[in-house]
């Protein structure tokens, strides 16, 4: 049996206590201690993650209008997007100046 000193709140020794060798006299299993620490840390994290549901993600619903036959298809013509109209105009002007 091992004897261990007992201290009070002020840090003064107030006595000793006998510890059982059946409980405290065994070798420390480091892997078991590691598993216990990892388990405690995982339980602290539990419930803090969340994945967005189908209703929370951006887009992905049904198509807003059909592809052909509506006025919405003419609102943003694909050949006049992102400066392509300017390039087309410059090329056309260059062709006319070269023909003159």
N, C-alpha and C. Protein backbone atom coordinates (compact mmCIF):
# COMPACT_ATOMS: atom_id res chain seq x y z
N UNK A 1 0.84 -1.18 0.00
CA UNK A 1 0.00 0.00 0.00
C UNK A 1 0.88 1.24 0.00
N UNK A 2 0.42 2.25 -0.73
CA UNK A 2 1.18 3.50 -0.83
C UNK A 2 0.57 4.52 0.10
N UNK A 3 1.42 5.28 0.75
CA UNK A 3 0.97 6.37 1.61
C UNK A 3 1.11 7.69 0.85
N UNK A 4 0.07 8.51 0.89
CA UNK A 4 0.05 9.79 0.18
C UNK A 4 -0.33 10.87 1.18
N UNK A 5 0.34 12.01 1.09
CA UNK A 5 0.05 13.12 2.00
C UNK A 5 -1.23 13.82 1.56
N UNK A 6 -2.02 14.31 2.52
CA UNK A 6 -3.25 15.04 2.27
C UNK A 6 -3.02 16.48 2.67
N UNK A 7 -3.38 17.42 1.78
CA UNK A 7 -3.16 18.85 2.02
C UNK A 7 -4.50 19.57 2.12
N UNK A 8 -4.52 20.68 2.89
CA UNK A 8 -5.74 21.48 2.98
C UNK A 8 -5.68 22.62 1.96
N UNK A 9 -6.64 23.53 2.02
CA UNK A 9 -6.74 24.61 1.02
C UNK A 9 -5.54 25.55 1.11
N UNK A 10 -4.99 25.75 2.29
CA UNK A 10 -3.85 26.64 2.44
C UNK A 10 -2.55 25.99 1.98
N UNK A 11 -2.54 24.69 1.70
CA UNK A 11 -1.35 24.00 1.24
C UNK A 11 -0.56 23.36 2.36
N UNK A 12 -1.10 23.25 3.54
CA UNK A 12 -0.42 22.63 4.67
C UNK A 12 -0.82 21.16 4.75
N UNK A 13 0.16 20.32 5.11
CA UNK A 13 -0.10 18.89 5.22
C UNK A 13 -0.92 18.63 6.48
N UNK A 14 -2.05 17.93 6.30
CA UNK A 14 -2.93 17.66 7.44
C UNK A 14 -2.98 16.18 7.79
N UNK A 15 -2.39 15.32 6.96
CA UNK A 15 -2.42 13.89 7.26
C UNK A 15 -1.94 13.06 6.10
N UNK A 16 -2.10 11.76 6.23
CA UNK A 16 -1.75 10.83 5.16
C UNK A 16 -2.92 9.89 4.92
N UNK A 17 -2.89 9.27 3.76
CA UNK A 17 -3.95 8.32 3.41
C UNK A 17 -3.29 7.13 2.72
N UNK A 18 -3.81 5.94 2.97
CA UNK A 18 -3.30 4.72 2.35
C UNK A 18 -4.10 4.45 1.07
N UNK A 19 -3.39 4.21 -0.04
CA UNK A 19 -4.02 3.91 -1.33
C UNK A 19 -3.86 2.42 -1.62
N UNK A 20 -4.89 1.80 -2.11
CA UNK A 20 -4.89 0.36 -2.41
C UNK A 20 -4.03 0.08 -3.64
N UNK A 21 -3.21 -0.96 -3.54
CA UNK A 21 -2.39 -1.36 -4.69
C UNK A 21 -3.22 -1.97 -5.80
N UNK A 22 -4.39 -2.47 -5.50
CA UNK A 22 -5.25 -3.06 -6.52
C UNK A 22 -5.76 -1.99 -7.48
N UNK A 23 -5.88 -0.75 -6.98
CA UNK A 23 -6.38 0.33 -7.83
C UNK A 23 -5.23 1.19 -8.36
N UNK A 24 -4.31 1.57 -7.49
CA UNK A 24 -3.28 2.53 -7.87
C UNK A 24 -1.92 1.90 -8.12
N UNK A 25 -1.78 0.59 -7.95
CA UNK A 25 -0.49 -0.06 -8.12
C UNK A 25 -0.28 -0.68 -9.49
N UNK A 26 -1.16 -0.44 -10.42
CA UNK A 26 -1.03 -1.05 -11.75
C UNK A 26 -0.28 -0.12 -12.70
N UNK A 27 0.20 -0.69 -13.82
CA UNK A 27 0.88 0.13 -14.83
C UNK A 27 -0.15 1.00 -15.55
N UNK A 28 0.32 2.16 -15.99
CA UNK A 28 -0.56 3.08 -16.71
C UNK A 28 -0.63 2.65 -18.16
N UNK A 29 -1.83 2.45 -18.67
CA UNK A 29 -2.04 2.10 -20.07
C UNK A 29 -2.20 3.41 -20.85
N UNK A 30 -1.13 3.83 -21.53
CA UNK A 30 -1.14 5.14 -22.20
C UNK A 30 -2.18 5.21 -23.31
N UNK A 31 -2.37 4.10 -24.00
CA UNK A 31 -3.36 4.10 -25.08
C UNK A 31 -4.77 4.30 -24.53
N UNK A 32 -5.05 3.69 -23.40
CA UNK A 32 -6.36 3.84 -22.78
C UNK A 32 -6.58 5.28 -22.30
N UNK A 33 -5.53 5.90 -21.75
CA UNK A 33 -5.63 7.29 -21.33
C UNK A 33 -5.86 8.19 -22.54
N UNK A 34 -5.15 7.90 -23.64
CA UNK A 34 -5.32 8.68 -24.88
C UNK A 34 -6.75 8.56 -25.39
N UNK A 35 -7.30 7.34 -25.39
CA UNK A 35 -8.66 7.15 -25.86
C UNK A 35 -9.66 7.90 -24.98
N UNK A 36 -9.43 7.93 -23.68
CA UNK A 36 -10.33 8.65 -22.78
C UNK A 36 -10.28 10.15 -23.03
N UNK A 37 -9.07 10.69 -23.27
CA UNK A 37 -8.94 12.13 -23.54
C UNK A 37 -9.61 12.48 -24.86
N UNK A 38 -9.40 11.67 -25.89
CA UNK A 38 -10.02 11.94 -27.20
C UNK A 38 -11.54 11.87 -27.08
N UNK A 39 -12.05 10.93 -26.29
CA UNK A 39 -13.49 10.81 -26.10
C UNK A 39 -14.06 12.04 -25.41
N UNK A 40 -13.37 12.54 -24.39
CA UNK A 40 -13.83 13.74 -23.69
C UNK A 40 -13.84 14.95 -24.62
N UNK A 41 -12.79 15.11 -25.42
CA UNK A 41 -12.73 16.25 -26.35
C UNK A 41 -13.80 16.15 -27.42
N UNK A 42 -14.08 14.92 -27.89
CA UNK A 42 -15.12 14.74 -28.90
C UNK A 42 -16.49 15.06 -28.32
N UNK A 43 -16.72 14.71 -27.06
CA UNK A 43 -18.01 15.01 -26.45
C UNK A 43 -18.19 16.50 -26.22
N UNK A 44 -17.10 17.24 -26.03
CA UNK A 44 -17.21 18.69 -25.91
C UNK A 44 -17.64 19.31 -27.23
N UNK A 45 -17.20 18.71 -28.34
CA UNK A 45 -17.50 19.26 -29.66
C UNK A 45 -18.88 18.86 -30.16
N UNK A 46 -19.49 17.91 -29.56
CA UNK A 46 -20.70 17.32 -30.10
C UNK A 46 -21.82 18.36 -30.22
N UNK A 47 -22.47 18.39 -31.36
CA UNK A 47 -23.60 19.28 -31.56
C UNK A 47 -23.23 20.66 -32.07
N UNK A 48 -21.97 20.88 -32.42
CA UNK A 48 -21.58 22.21 -32.87
C UNK A 48 -21.46 22.30 -34.38
N UNK A 49 -21.66 21.21 -35.11
CA UNK A 49 -21.57 21.27 -36.56
C UNK A 49 -22.96 21.18 -37.17
N UNK A 50 -23.08 21.71 -38.39
CA UNK A 50 -24.37 21.68 -39.06
C UNK A 50 -24.14 21.72 -40.56
N UNK A 51 -24.86 20.90 -41.28
CA UNK A 51 -24.84 20.95 -42.74
C UNK A 51 -26.14 21.60 -43.20
N UNK A 52 -26.04 22.43 -44.24
CA UNK A 52 -27.23 23.10 -44.74
C UNK A 52 -28.19 22.09 -45.38
N UNK A 53 -29.46 22.32 -45.18
CA UNK A 53 -30.46 21.45 -45.79
C UNK A 53 -30.77 21.95 -47.19
N UNK A 54 -31.65 21.27 -47.86
CA UNK A 54 -31.97 21.62 -49.24
C UNK A 54 -32.62 23.00 -49.32
N UNK A 55 -33.38 23.38 -48.31
CA UNK A 55 -34.05 24.67 -48.35
C UNK A 55 -33.12 25.82 -47.98
N UNK A 56 -31.95 25.52 -47.40
CA UNK A 56 -31.05 26.58 -46.96
C UNK A 56 -29.95 26.91 -47.97
N UNK A 57 -29.68 26.01 -48.92
CA UNK A 57 -28.61 26.25 -49.88
C UNK A 57 -29.08 27.25 -50.92
N UNK A 58 -28.12 27.91 -51.58
CA UNK A 58 -28.44 28.90 -52.59
C UNK A 58 -28.76 28.21 -53.91
N UNK A 59 -29.89 28.54 -54.49
CA UNK A 59 -30.28 27.96 -55.78
C UNK A 59 -30.68 26.51 -55.63
N UNK A 60 -30.68 25.81 -56.75
CA UNK A 60 -30.97 24.40 -56.73
C UNK A 60 -32.44 24.06 -56.72
N UNK A 61 -33.31 25.04 -56.90
CA UNK A 61 -34.73 24.76 -56.93
C UNK A 61 -35.20 24.44 -58.33
N UNK A 62 -36.47 24.69 -58.62
CA UNK A 62 -36.95 24.42 -59.97
C UNK A 62 -36.60 25.58 -60.88
N UNK A 63 -36.63 25.35 -62.15
CA UNK A 63 -36.27 26.35 -63.14
C UNK A 63 -37.28 27.50 -63.10
N UNK A 64 -36.82 28.76 -63.07
CA UNK A 64 -37.75 29.88 -62.92
C UNK A 64 -38.69 30.07 -64.11
N UNK A 65 -38.22 29.85 -65.33
CA UNK A 65 -39.09 29.90 -66.50
C UNK A 65 -38.54 28.96 -67.55
N UNK A 66 -39.37 28.57 -68.48
CA UNK A 66 -38.90 27.65 -69.50
C UNK A 66 -37.91 28.34 -70.42
N UNK A 67 -37.17 27.54 -71.18
CA UNK A 67 -36.03 28.07 -71.91
C UNK A 67 -36.46 28.88 -73.14
N UNK A 68 -37.50 28.48 -73.81
CA UNK A 68 -37.91 29.19 -75.03
C UNK A 68 -39.37 29.60 -74.93
N UNK A 69 -39.71 30.66 -75.67
CA UNK A 69 -41.09 31.07 -75.78
C UNK A 69 -41.51 32.11 -74.77
N UNK A 70 -40.61 32.63 -73.98
CA UNK A 70 -40.96 33.67 -73.02
C UNK A 70 -40.18 34.93 -73.34
N UNK A 71 -40.57 36.02 -72.76
CA UNK A 71 -39.87 37.29 -72.97
C UNK A 71 -38.55 37.29 -72.23
N UNK A 72 -38.43 36.49 -71.16
CA UNK A 72 -37.22 36.49 -70.36
C UNK A 72 -36.00 36.04 -71.14
N UNK A 73 -36.19 35.29 -72.22
CA UNK A 73 -35.04 34.85 -72.99
C UNK A 73 -34.38 36.02 -73.72
N UNK A 74 -35.13 37.08 -73.98
CA UNK A 74 -34.59 38.21 -74.72
C UNK A 74 -34.00 39.28 -73.82
N UNK A 75 -34.13 39.15 -72.53
CA UNK A 75 -33.66 40.20 -71.62
C UNK A 75 -32.15 40.29 -71.58
N UNK A 76 -31.45 39.15 -71.65
CA UNK A 76 -30.00 39.15 -71.55
C UNK A 76 -29.46 38.27 -72.67
N UNK A 77 -29.38 38.80 -73.88
CA UNK A 77 -28.93 37.96 -74.99
C UNK A 77 -27.49 37.49 -74.77
N UNK A 78 -27.21 36.24 -75.03
CA UNK A 78 -25.90 35.71 -74.72
C UNK A 78 -24.77 36.32 -75.54
N UNK A 79 -25.07 36.84 -76.75
CA UNK A 79 -23.99 37.39 -77.57
C UNK A 79 -23.67 38.84 -77.21
N UNK A 80 -24.38 39.46 -76.31
CA UNK A 80 -24.10 40.84 -75.94
C UNK A 80 -23.67 40.96 -74.48
N UNK A 81 -23.22 39.86 -73.90
CA UNK A 81 -22.82 39.87 -72.51
C UNK A 81 -21.34 40.18 -72.38
N UNK A 82 -20.93 40.79 -71.31
CA UNK A 82 -19.56 40.99 -70.86
C UNK A 82 -18.66 41.62 -71.92
N UNK A 83 -19.14 42.66 -72.56
CA UNK A 83 -18.30 43.41 -73.47
C UNK A 83 -18.17 42.82 -74.86
N UNK A 84 -18.89 41.76 -75.15
CA UNK A 84 -18.78 41.16 -76.48
C UNK A 84 -19.38 42.05 -77.54
N UNK A 85 -20.38 42.85 -77.17
CA UNK A 85 -20.99 43.74 -78.14
C UNK A 85 -19.99 44.81 -78.57
N UNK A 86 -19.19 45.29 -77.63
CA UNK A 86 -18.19 46.29 -77.95
C UNK A 86 -17.15 45.70 -78.90
N UNK A 87 -16.72 44.47 -78.61
CA UNK A 87 -15.75 43.84 -79.50
C UNK A 87 -16.34 43.65 -80.89
N UNK A 88 -17.61 43.25 -80.96
CA UNK A 88 -18.26 43.05 -82.25
C UNK A 88 -18.34 44.36 -83.01
N UNK A 89 -18.67 45.44 -82.28
CA UNK A 89 -18.77 46.75 -82.92
C UNK A 89 -17.41 47.22 -83.43
N UNK A 90 -16.36 47.02 -82.63
CA UNK A 90 -15.03 47.45 -83.06
C UNK A 90 -14.56 46.66 -84.27
N UNK A 91 -14.83 45.36 -84.30
CA UNK A 91 -14.46 44.56 -85.46
C UNK A 91 -15.22 45.01 -86.70
N UNK A 92 -16.48 45.33 -86.52
CA UNK A 92 -17.29 45.75 -87.66
C UNK A 92 -16.82 47.10 -88.20
N UNK A 93 -16.49 48.01 -87.28
CA UNK A 93 -16.00 49.31 -87.71
C UNK A 93 -14.66 49.17 -88.43
N UNK A 94 -13.84 48.25 -87.98
CA UNK A 94 -12.53 48.06 -88.60
C UNK A 94 -12.71 47.51 -90.01
N UNK A 95 -13.68 46.60 -90.17
CA UNK A 95 -13.93 46.05 -91.49
C UNK A 95 -14.39 47.12 -92.46
N UNK A 96 -15.27 48.01 -91.97
CA UNK A 96 -15.76 49.05 -92.88
C UNK A 96 -14.67 50.05 -93.24
N UNK A 97 -13.75 50.33 -92.30
CA UNK A 97 -12.67 51.26 -92.61
C UNK A 97 -11.68 50.62 -93.57
N UNK A 98 -11.52 49.30 -93.49
CA UNK A 98 -10.59 48.64 -94.40
C UNK A 98 -11.17 48.57 -95.81
N UNK A 99 -12.50 48.49 -95.94
CA UNK A 99 -13.12 48.40 -97.25
C UNK A 99 -13.11 49.75 -97.95
N UNK A 100 -13.05 50.85 -97.25
CA UNK A 100 -13.13 52.16 -97.88
C UNK A 100 -11.90 52.52 -98.63
